[in-house]
Amino acid sequence: MPDPMPTPPASAPSTGTRVAVIGGGPAGLMAAEVLVAGGASVDVYDAMPSVGRKFLLAGRGGLNLTHSEPIEPFVGRYAARAEAVRPWLNAFDAPALRAWAAGLGVETFVGSSGRVFPTDMKAAPLLRAWLHRLRAAGVRVHTRHRWQGWLASGALHFTTPEGEVTATPDATVLALGGASWARLGSDGAWVPWLAERGVAVAPLQPANCGFDVAPTAEGRTGWSDYLRQRFAGQPVKPVVASVTDAEGQVHRQQGEFVLTDTGIEGSLVYAFSARLRDQITAQGQAVFTLDLLPDHDAAQVLAEVRRPRGPRSLATHLKSRLGIAGLKLALLHEVLSPEELADPIRLAGALKALPLTLRSPRPIDEAISTAGGVPFEALDDHLMLRAQPGVFCAGEMIDWEAPTGGYLLTASMASGRLAGQGVLAWLAAARATSQT
């Protein structure tokens, strides 16, 4: 297990170097913690009136810090970027994050799902303790400082309520987030400024997002009025969802999701959002298949559907024999025609594999996180921009994504830690060169 993050001393020995960290989310604050512990003079700049706003929002329903599963499945959650993210997590994994939180006086526990939470479930106490420790160590936090890129001189340019401000640090960490929840500070405005500096940024896309259903054969857009008015906002559970990828491999997971006015969202949808989004991009639509009866095998379902029902309605029969009612029954009526509902084989098949055709992800600003951003190829092993020596990146603005469950926060903080260490190593090398 990696060593937990050491507690920064109240007054670290100064190296005489100044570092700017732009972005006061978890990645930026973790970078600042490493930097001040290494003796750098650190200024954190954030566009919002206070730092950590998205972090606080994530903690409203209970702050999911990380996940307790073993390292190999944990790393696998990062899909196409798993091997790129692996070094971050090898250096700062879930146990290390829990130890770091304990160092702030925040104890954690593992929930029934394997997710890790603070014992009080809240984000605010952790953030307050963290900021207190950072300020005590000498970190200066500048809020309402909106970064506007670089001036021709190379200075960082900020706008503030009091006017324009510039800064000329010895190194910079960019931890600007993606482009979701712009009202909390992550608006993707940084993309053109990096492009001007020769960084080919991958387009930002929604991740951990909801989806809109495709129009019906009759041309109706989205759900019927009946389904929307009666069931929007309700959870669909228990179900097993499956998605077939471009290679024909079927991915399955049990859980629940929520019906929205226009489609679906929720944790089970987020687990598949990258594959669904990419299929829609490639094919114009994606199919999200539901097993409405995960505790029944197909033969059992067919036998029950075929069982004579006498004068009882289909709805009464399905409720009494299989427990299908309410939202699940409404979904059957939404997807199947009357002729298909009357066919036992088609009906039984739909109960075990009901296809929901999706046409588009919800807008990026509604997403929990984003994909795209600064590609790993544009960064060295310490997360420094190859095209911009002395400028490091951390967090969600790098091109990786992960499902909810603590994976986003863990990797963001681990990347901030790595970027901070990278800055210290780069500055030390620069000092050594200047002294020779």
Protein backbone atom coordinates (compact mmCIF):
# COMPACT_ATOMS: atom_id res chain seq x y z
CA MET A 1 0.00 0.00 0.00
CA PRO A 2 1.39 3.44 -0.82
CA ASP A 3 2.39 5.63 2.09
CA PRO A 4 -0.34 8.11 3.05
CA MET A 5 0.18 11.75 2.22
CA PRO A 6 2.36 13.31 4.93
CA THR A 7 0.87 16.17 6.89
CA PRO A 8 2.44 19.40 5.61
CA PRO A 9 4.51 21.15 8.25
CA ALA A 10 3.19 24.44 9.56
CA SER A 11 6.15 26.15 7.97
CA ALA A 12 7.94 24.18 5.27
CA PRO A 13 11.50 25.23 4.44
CA SER A 14 11.30 27.66 1.53
CA THR A 15 12.87 26.78 -1.79
CA GLY A 16 12.48 30.36 -2.99
CA THR A 17 10.13 29.30 -5.77
CA ARG A 18 6.56 30.42 -6.40
CA VAL A 19 3.95 28.12 -7.90
CA ALA A 20 0.47 29.03 -9.09
CA VAL A 21 -2.30 26.45 -8.86
CA ILE A 22 -5.29 27.44 -10.97
CA GLY A 23 -8.43 25.67 -9.82
CA GLY A 24 -9.46 25.08 -6.23
CA GLY A 25 -11.07 21.67 -6.59
CA PRO A 26 -9.68 18.44 -5.08
CA ALA A 27 -6.95 18.05 -7.72
CA GLY A 28 -5.72 21.61 -7.30
CA LEU A 29 -5.82 21.53 -3.51
CA MET A 30 -3.93 18.24 -3.44
CA ALA A 31 -1.27 19.72 -5.73
CA ALA A 32 -1.03 22.73 -3.40
CA GLU A 33 -0.62 20.45 -0.40
CA VAL A 34 2.29 18.60 -1.98
CA LEU A 35 3.91 21.82 -3.16
CA VAL A 36 3.80 23.64 0.15
CA ALA A 37 5.09 20.52 1.92
CA GLY A 38 8.00 20.62 -0.53
CA GLY A 39 8.86 24.19 0.39
CA ALA A 40 7.27 26.07 -2.49
CA SER A 41 5.41 29.34 -2.06
CA VAL A 42 1.91 28.48 -3.31
CA ASP A 43 -0.95 30.62 -4.60
CA VAL A 44 -4.27 28.93 -5.43
CA TYR A 45 -6.54 30.85 -7.79
CA ASP A 46 -10.21 30.06 -8.31
CA ALA A 47 -12.90 31.83 -10.32
CA MET A 48 -15.65 31.22 -7.78
CA PRO A 49 -16.35 33.05 -4.50
CA SER A 50 -15.11 29.96 -2.62
CA VAL A 51 -13.13 26.86 -3.52
CA GLY A 52 -14.32 23.25 -3.76
CA ARG A 53 -17.86 24.06 -4.91
CA LYS A 54 -18.31 20.97 -7.06
CA PHE A 55 -16.77 18.89 -4.29
CA LEU A 56 -19.38 20.21 -1.87
CA LEU A 57 -22.18 19.51 -4.35
CA ALA A 58 -20.95 15.93 -4.76
CA GLY A 59 -21.23 15.53 -1.00
CA ARG A 60 -24.82 16.65 -0.69
CA GLY A 61 -26.19 13.13 -0.78
CA GLY A 62 -23.22 11.70 1.12
CA LEU A 63 -19.61 12.27 0.09
CA ASN A 64 -18.38 9.19 -1.76
CA LEU A 65 -14.63 9.55 -1.30
CA THR A 66 -13.41 6.33 -2.89
CA HIS A 67 -14.18 2.62 -3.26
CA SER A 68 -12.96 -0.36 -1.27
CA GLU A 69 -12.61 -2.89 -4.11
CA PRO A 70 -9.18 -4.42 -4.86
CA ILE A 71 -6.76 -2.45 -7.00
CA GLU A 72 -7.13 -4.45 -10.23
CA PRO A 73 -10.90 -4.03 -10.66
CA PHE A 74 -10.48 -0.47 -9.34
CA VAL A 75 -8.01 0.37 -12.11
CA GLY A 76 -10.24 -1.36 -14.65
CA ARG A 77 -12.94 1.25 -14.00
CA TYR A 78 -10.90 3.70 -16.05
CA ALA A 79 -11.49 1.60 -19.20
CA ALA A 80 -9.43 2.84 -22.15
CA ARG A 81 -7.25 4.98 -19.87
CA ALA A 82 -6.74 2.33 -17.19
CA GLU A 83 -3.03 1.83 -17.87
CA ALA A 84 -2.40 5.56 -18.07
CA VAL A 85 -4.11 6.15 -14.72
CA ARG A 86 -2.57 3.09 -13.03
CA PRO A 87 0.64 4.90 -11.94
CA TRP A 88 -1.44 7.60 -10.24
CA LEU A 89 -3.32 4.98 -8.24
CA ASN A 90 -0.25 2.89 -7.49
CA ALA A 91 1.13 5.97 -5.74
CA PHE A 92 -2.11 7.08 -4.06
CA ASP A 93 -4.81 4.45 -3.86
CA ALA A 94 -8.05 4.14 -1.89
CA PRO A 95 -6.41 3.08 1.41
CA ALA A 96 -3.98 6.00 1.08
CA LEU A 97 -6.85 8.40 0.51
CA ARG A 98 -8.62 7.09 3.61
CA ALA A 99 -5.42 7.53 5.62
CA TRP A 100 -5.08 11.06 4.27
CA ALA A 101 -8.65 11.85 5.38
CA ALA A 102 -7.93 10.41 8.81
CA GLY A 103 -4.99 12.81 9.03
CA LEU A 104 -7.54 15.62 8.74
CA GLY A 105 -9.57 14.11 11.55
CA VAL A 106 -12.15 12.62 9.18
CA GLU A 107 -12.81 8.93 9.78
CA THR A 108 -14.37 6.85 7.01
CA PHE A 109 -16.41 3.67 6.64
CA VAL A 110 -17.21 1.20 3.87
CA GLY A 111 -20.88 1.10 2.89
CA SER A 112 -22.80 -1.97 1.79
CA SER A 113 -21.99 -1.20 -1.86
CA GLY A 114 -18.25 -1.06 -1.16
CA ARG A 115 -18.21 2.72 -1.47
CA VAL A 116 -16.26 4.69 1.13
CA PHE A 117 -17.80 7.65 2.97
CA PRO A 118 -16.88 9.95 5.85
CA THR A 119 -18.61 8.75 9.01
CA ASP A 120 -20.75 11.91 9.05
CA MET A 121 -21.37 11.57 5.27
CA LYS A 122 -20.58 15.27 4.77
CA ALA A 123 -18.11 17.07 2.51
CA ALA A 124 -18.02 20.45 4.28
CA PRO A 125 -16.16 19.38 7.47
CA LEU A 126 -13.44 17.69 5.41
CA LEU A 127 -13.03 20.70 3.14
CA ARG A 128 -12.89 23.10 6.09
CA ALA A 129 -10.22 21.03 7.82
CA TRP A 130 -8.24 20.74 4.60
CA LEU A 131 -8.31 24.48 3.88
CA HIS A 132 -7.35 25.26 7.47
CA ARG A 133 -4.33 23.00 7.18
CA LEU A 134 -3.31 24.45 3.83
CA ARG A 135 -3.58 28.04 5.02
CA ALA A 136 -1.68 27.21 8.19
CA ALA A 137 1.09 25.80 6.01
CA GLY A 138 1.24 29.06 4.05
CA VAL A 139 -0.95 28.43 0.99
CA ARG A 140 -2.64 31.63 -0.20
CA VAL A 141 -6.10 31.21 -1.70
CA HIS A 142 -7.37 33.85 -4.14
CA THR A 143 -11.07 33.56 -4.98
CA ARG A 144 -12.97 35.43 -7.70
CA HIS A 145 -9.83 35.24 -9.84
CA ARG A 146 -10.90 34.01 -13.26
CA TRP A 147 -8.01 32.86 -15.39
CA GLN A 148 -7.92 34.33 -18.92
CA GLY A 149 -4.89 32.53 -20.29
CA TRP A 150 -1.41 33.95 -20.79
CA LEU A 151 -0.32 37.41 -21.82
CA ALA A 152 2.24 37.83 -24.60
CA SER A 153 4.87 38.24 -21.88
CA GLY A 154 4.04 34.77 -20.56
CA ALA A 155 2.39 36.09 -17.39
CA LEU A 156 -0.82 34.50 -16.14
CA HIS A 157 -3.78 36.81 -16.67
CA PHE A 158 -6.76 36.97 -14.29
CA THR A 159 -9.84 39.10 -14.08
CA THR A 160 -11.21 39.96 -10.63
CA PRO A 161 -13.98 42.21 -9.29
CA GLU A 162 -11.24 44.78 -8.56
CA GLY A 163 -9.72 44.61 -12.05
CA GLU A 164 -7.08 42.66 -13.92
CA VAL A 165 -4.30 40.80 -12.13
CA THR A 166 -1.18 39.11 -13.46
CA ALA A 167 1.19 36.59 -11.95
CA THR A 168 4.58 35.25 -13.05
CA PRO A 169 5.22 32.07 -11.05
CA ASP A 170 8.14 29.73 -11.56
CA ALA A 171 5.69 26.92 -12.41
CA THR A 172 1.95 26.48 -12.82
CA VAL A 173 -0.50 23.68 -12.11
CA LEU A 174 -3.72 23.81 -14.11
CA ALA A 175 -6.58 21.98 -12.36
CA LEU A 176 -9.48 23.58 -14.20
CA GLY A 177 -11.94 20.71 -14.43
CA GLY A 178 -13.94 19.77 -17.48
CA ALA A 179 -17.10 21.48 -18.74
CA SER A 180 -19.91 20.15 -16.58
CA TRP A 181 -21.73 22.25 -13.99
CA ALA A 182 -20.36 25.51 -15.37
CA ARG A 183 -22.11 27.45 -12.62
CA LEU A 184 -19.70 25.82 -10.16
CA GLY A 185 -16.65 26.89 -12.14
CA SER A 186 -15.91 24.11 -14.65
CA ASP A 187 -16.81 25.69 -17.98
CA GLY A 188 -14.08 24.48 -20.36
CA ALA A 189 -13.06 28.07 -21.18
CA TRP A 190 -9.42 26.99 -20.95
CA VAL A 191 -9.52 24.88 -24.12
CA PRO A 192 -8.61 27.62 -26.66
CA TRP A 193 -5.81 28.98 -24.45
CA LEU A 194 -4.08 25.63 -24.42
CA ALA A 195 -4.71 25.17 -28.13
CA GLU A 196 -2.94 28.48 -28.74
CA ARG A 197 0.05 27.02 -26.92
CA GLY A 198 0.20 23.99 -29.19
CA VAL A 199 -1.80 21.54 -27.08
CA ALA A 200 -4.28 19.50 -29.18
CA VAL A 201 -7.17 19.16 -26.73
CA ALA A 202 -9.62 16.28 -27.28
CA PRO A 203 -13.21 17.59 -27.52
CA LEU A 204 -14.97 17.67 -24.16
CA GLN A 205 -17.94 15.31 -23.95
CA PRO A 206 -20.49 14.44 -21.26
CA ALA A 207 -19.65 11.52 -18.96
CA ASN A 208 -21.73 10.03 -16.15
CA CYS A 209 -24.71 11.55 -17.85
CA GLY A 210 -28.33 10.84 -18.63
CA PHE A 211 -29.67 9.99 -22.09
CA ASP A 212 -32.74 10.85 -24.12
CA VAL A 213 -34.73 8.03 -25.68
CA ALA A 214 -35.11 7.84 -29.44
CA PRO A 215 -38.33 8.79 -31.23
CA THR A 216 -40.82 5.97 -31.66
CA ALA A 217 -41.76 4.37 -34.96
CA GLU A 218 -44.85 6.59 -34.93
CA GLY A 219 -42.62 9.66 -34.78
CA ARG A 220 -43.34 10.55 -31.16
CA THR A 221 -40.33 12.12 -29.47
CA GLY A 222 -39.43 10.66 -26.10
CA TRP A 223 -41.73 8.95 -23.64
CA SER A 224 -45.49 8.98 -23.89
CA ASP A 225 -47.36 11.56 -21.85
CA TYR A 226 -48.71 8.76 -19.66
CA LEU A 227 -45.27 7.38 -18.77
CA ARG A 228 -43.76 10.82 -18.24
CA GLN A 229 -46.60 12.20 -16.13
CA ARG A 230 -47.03 9.08 -13.99
CA PHE A 231 -43.48 7.85 -13.55
CA ALA A 232 -40.83 10.52 -14.29
CA GLY A 233 -38.49 10.76 -11.31
CA GLN A 234 -39.16 7.21 -10.13
CA PRO A 235 -36.45 4.53 -9.85
CA VAL A 236 -36.48 1.38 -11.96
CA LYS A 237 -35.27 -1.49 -9.75
CA PRO A 238 -34.09 -4.12 -9.42
CA VAL A 239 -32.84 -4.63 -12.96
CA VAL A 240 -29.80 -5.90 -14.77
CA ALA A 241 -28.71 -3.69 -17.65
CA SER A 242 -26.56 -4.79 -20.55
CA VAL A 243 -24.82 -3.03 -23.40
CA THR A 244 -23.05 -4.66 -26.34
CA ASP A 245 -19.83 -2.93 -27.37
CA ALA A 246 -18.36 -2.50 -30.85
CA GLU A 247 -16.49 -5.82 -30.55
CA GLY A 248 -19.70 -7.68 -29.74
CA GLN A 249 -18.88 -8.18 -26.06
CA VAL A 250 -21.84 -7.90 -23.72
CA HIS A 251 -21.34 -5.91 -20.52
CA ARG A 252 -23.83 -6.50 -17.71
CA GLN A 253 -24.43 -4.89 -14.33
CA GLN A 254 -27.20 -4.96 -11.75
CA GLY A 255 -28.50 -1.81 -10.10
CA GLU A 256 -31.11 0.85 -10.58
CA PHE A 257 -31.73 3.99 -12.58
CA VAL A 258 -34.29 6.78 -12.76
CA LEU A 259 -36.83 7.57 -15.43
CA THR A 260 -36.64 11.24 -16.51
CA ASP A 261 -38.96 13.39 -18.59
CA THR A 262 -36.91 12.65 -21.69
CA GLY A 263 -35.13 9.39 -20.98
CA ILE A 264 -33.01 7.79 -18.26
CA GLU A 265 -30.30 8.69 -15.74
CA GLY A 266 -28.80 7.37 -12.50
CA SER A 267 -25.97 5.17 -11.29
CA LEU A 268 -26.69 2.17 -13.50
CA VAL A 269 -26.84 4.40 -16.58
CA TYR A 270 -23.64 6.18 -15.58
CA ALA A 271 -21.85 2.83 -15.40
CA PHE A 272 -22.45 2.44 -19.13
CA SER A 273 -22.42 6.09 -20.19
CA ALA A 274 -19.07 6.02 -22.00
CA ARG A 275 -20.08 3.02 -24.14
CA LEU A 276 -23.55 4.44 -24.79
CA ARG A 277 -22.17 7.84 -25.75
CA ASP A 278 -19.55 6.36 -28.07
CA GLN A 279 -22.14 4.09 -29.75
CA ILE A 280 -24.42 7.05 -30.36
CA THR A 281 -21.51 8.96 -31.88
CA ALA A 282 -20.64 6.06 -34.17
CA GLN A 283 -24.12 4.74 -35.04
CA GLY A 284 -26.60 7.49 -34.25
CA GLN A 285 -28.21 5.52 -31.43
CA ALA A 286 -27.49 2.96 -28.70
CA VAL A 287 -29.50 0.19 -27.08
CA PHE A 288 -29.73 -0.13 -23.30
CA THR A 289 -31.18 -3.57 -22.59
CA LEU A 290 -32.99 -4.35 -19.35
CA ASP A 291 -33.61 -7.62 -17.58
CA LEU A 292 -36.70 -6.68 -15.57
CA LEU A 293 -36.65 -9.99 -13.70
CA PRO A 294 -33.02 -10.66 -12.78
CA ASP A 295 -33.99 -13.26 -10.17
CA HIS A 296 -35.93 -15.39 -12.70
CA ASP A 297 -34.44 -17.45 -15.51
CA ALA A 298 -35.86 -17.20 -19.02
CA ALA A 299 -37.59 -20.59 -18.89
CA GLN A 300 -39.36 -19.71 -15.66
CA VAL A 301 -40.53 -16.37 -17.07
CA LEU A 302 -41.88 -18.00 -20.23
CA ALA A 303 -43.69 -20.65 -18.21
CA GLU A 304 -45.40 -18.03 -16.06
CA VAL A 305 -46.37 -15.88 -19.04
CA ARG A 306 -47.83 -18.91 -20.78
CA ARG A 307 -49.79 -20.00 -17.75
CA PRO A 308 -53.54 -19.71 -18.47
CA ARG A 309 -54.93 -16.52 -16.94
CA GLY A 310 -58.63 -17.04 -17.57
CA PRO A 311 -60.61 -13.81 -17.27
CA ARG A 312 -57.79 -11.92 -15.59
CA SER A 313 -56.18 -9.02 -17.42
CA LEU A 314 -52.58 -9.23 -18.57
CA ALA A 315 -51.61 -6.63 -15.96
CA THR A 316 -53.19 -8.66 -13.15
CA HIS A 317 -51.59 -11.86 -14.42
CA LEU A 318 -48.09 -10.35 -14.62
CA LYS A 319 -48.40 -8.81 -11.18
CA SER A 320 -49.61 -11.98 -9.50
CA ARG A 321 -47.25 -14.41 -11.24
CA LEU A 322 -44.09 -12.30 -11.68
CA GLY A 323 -44.51 -9.16 -9.59
CA ILE A 324 -44.46 -6.94 -12.69
CA ALA A 325 -46.48 -3.79 -12.06
CA GLY A 326 -46.25 0.00 -11.99
CA LEU A 327 -43.26 1.44 -13.82
CA LYS A 328 -41.97 -1.88 -15.13
CA LEU A 329 -45.37 -2.67 -16.60
CA ALA A 330 -45.58 0.80 -18.09
CA LEU A 331 -42.19 0.33 -19.74
CA LEU A 332 -43.42 -2.89 -21.36
CA HIS A 333 -46.39 -1.02 -22.81
CA GLU A 334 -44.09 1.78 -23.92
CA VAL A 335 -41.76 -0.48 -25.90
CA LEU A 336 -43.99 -3.34 -27.10
CA SER A 337 -46.92 -3.16 -29.48
CA PRO A 338 -50.29 -4.68 -28.48
CA GLU A 339 -49.52 -7.63 -30.76
CA GLU A 340 -46.17 -8.23 -29.05
CA LEU A 341 -47.74 -7.99 -25.60
CA ALA A 342 -50.24 -10.67 -26.66
CA ASP A 343 -47.48 -13.02 -27.86
CA PRO A 344 -46.15 -15.03 -24.88
CA ILE A 345 -42.77 -15.65 -26.48
CA ARG A 346 -42.23 -11.98 -27.38
CA LEU A 347 -43.48 -10.82 -23.99
CA ALA A 348 -41.30 -13.27 -22.06
CA GLY A 349 -38.31 -12.24 -24.16
CA ALA A 350 -38.96 -8.56 -23.42
CA LEU A 351 -39.23 -9.20 -19.69
CA LYS A 352 -35.69 -10.61 -19.79
CA ALA A 353 -34.30 -8.25 -22.46
CA LEU A 354 -36.30 -5.06 -22.92
CA PRO A 355 -34.50 -2.75 -25.37
CA LEU A 356 -34.50 0.99 -24.70
CA THR A 357 -33.19 2.85 -27.74
CA LEU A 358 -31.28 6.01 -26.86
CA ARG A 359 -30.64 8.85 -29.27
CA SER A 360 -28.39 11.33 -27.44
CA PRO A 361 -26.66 12.08 -24.17
CA ARG A 362 -27.99 14.97 -22.14
CA PRO A 363 -26.15 18.31 -22.52
CA ILE A 364 -22.62 18.42 -21.14
CA ASP A 365 -23.47 20.99 -18.48
CA GLU A 366 -25.89 18.50 -16.90
CA ALA A 367 -23.29 15.72 -16.74
CA ILE A 368 -21.58 14.75 -13.50
CA SER A 369 -18.22 14.77 -15.26
CA THR A 370 -16.67 15.04 -18.71
CA ALA A 371 -14.50 13.01 -21.03
CA GLY A 372 -11.96 14.54 -23.38
CA GLY A 373 -9.47 17.25 -22.51
CA VAL A 374 -5.69 17.25 -22.45
CA PRO A 375 -4.52 13.94 -23.96
CA PHE A 376 -1.93 11.87 -22.12
CA GLU A 377 0.26 12.11 -25.21
CA ALA A 378 0.58 15.85 -24.56
CA LEU A 379 1.92 15.23 -21.04
CA ASP A 380 5.09 13.72 -19.69
CA ASP A 381 5.11 11.14 -16.89
CA HIS A 382 4.89 13.94 -14.32
CA LEU A 383 1.87 15.54 -16.05
CA MET A 384 3.85 18.47 -17.47
CA LEU A 385 2.73 19.78 -20.85
CA ARG A 386 5.35 18.84 -23.43
CA ALA A 387 4.52 22.00 -25.38
CA GLN A 388 4.69 24.24 -22.30
CA PRO A 389 7.53 23.42 -19.91
CA GLY A 390 6.73 24.38 -16.34
CA VAL A 391 2.96 24.00 -16.82
CA PHE A 392 1.39 20.89 -15.32
CA CYS A 393 -2.16 19.55 -15.54
CA ALA A 394 -4.27 17.65 -13.03
CA GLY A 395 -7.76 16.33 -12.50
CA GLU A 396 -10.70 16.18 -14.83
CA MET A 397 -9.20 18.44 -17.49
CA ILE A 398 -7.01 15.48 -18.52
CA ASP A 399 -8.56 13.04 -21.01
CA TRP A 400 -9.78 10.22 -18.75
CA GLU A 401 -13.15 9.25 -17.34
CA ALA A 402 -14.58 6.86 -14.77
CA PRO A 403 -18.00 5.93 -13.42
CA THR A 404 -19.33 7.32 -10.17
CA GLY A 405 -18.51 5.38 -7.02
CA GLY A 406 -15.47 7.26 -5.74
CA TYR A 407 -13.34 6.62 -8.81
CA LEU A 408 -13.54 10.19 -10.12
CA LEU A 409 -12.46 11.77 -6.85
CA THR A 410 -9.68 9.27 -6.17
CA ALA A 411 -8.03 9.73 -9.55
CA SER A 412 -8.44 13.50 -9.44
CA MET A 413 -6.66 13.72 -6.10
CA ALA A 414 -4.01 11.21 -7.16
CA SER A 415 -3.30 13.26 -10.29
CA GLY A 416 -3.00 16.44 -8.23
CA ARG A 417 -0.50 14.71 -5.99
CA LEU A 418 1.53 13.56 -9.00
CA ALA A 419 1.46 17.02 -10.60
CA GLY A 420 2.66 18.64 -7.36
CA GLN A 421 5.52 16.15 -7.13
CA GLY A 422 6.30 16.78 -10.80
CA VAL A 423 6.57 20.52 -10.22
CA LEU A 424 8.97 20.04 -7.31
CA ALA A 425 11.15 17.67 -9.33
CA TRP A 426 11.19 20.02 -12.35
CA LEU A 427 12.08 23.03 -10.22
CA ALA A 428 14.82 21.10 -8.44
CA ALA A 429 16.30 20.05 -11.79
CA ALA A 430 16.15 23.65 -13.01
CA ARG A 431 17.96 24.88 -9.88
CA ALA A 432 20.62 22.20 -10.24
CA THR A 433 21.20 23.18 -13.87
CA SER A 434 21.48 26.87 -13.02
CA GLN A 435 24.10 26.14 -10.37
CA THR A 436 26.40 24.23 -12.71
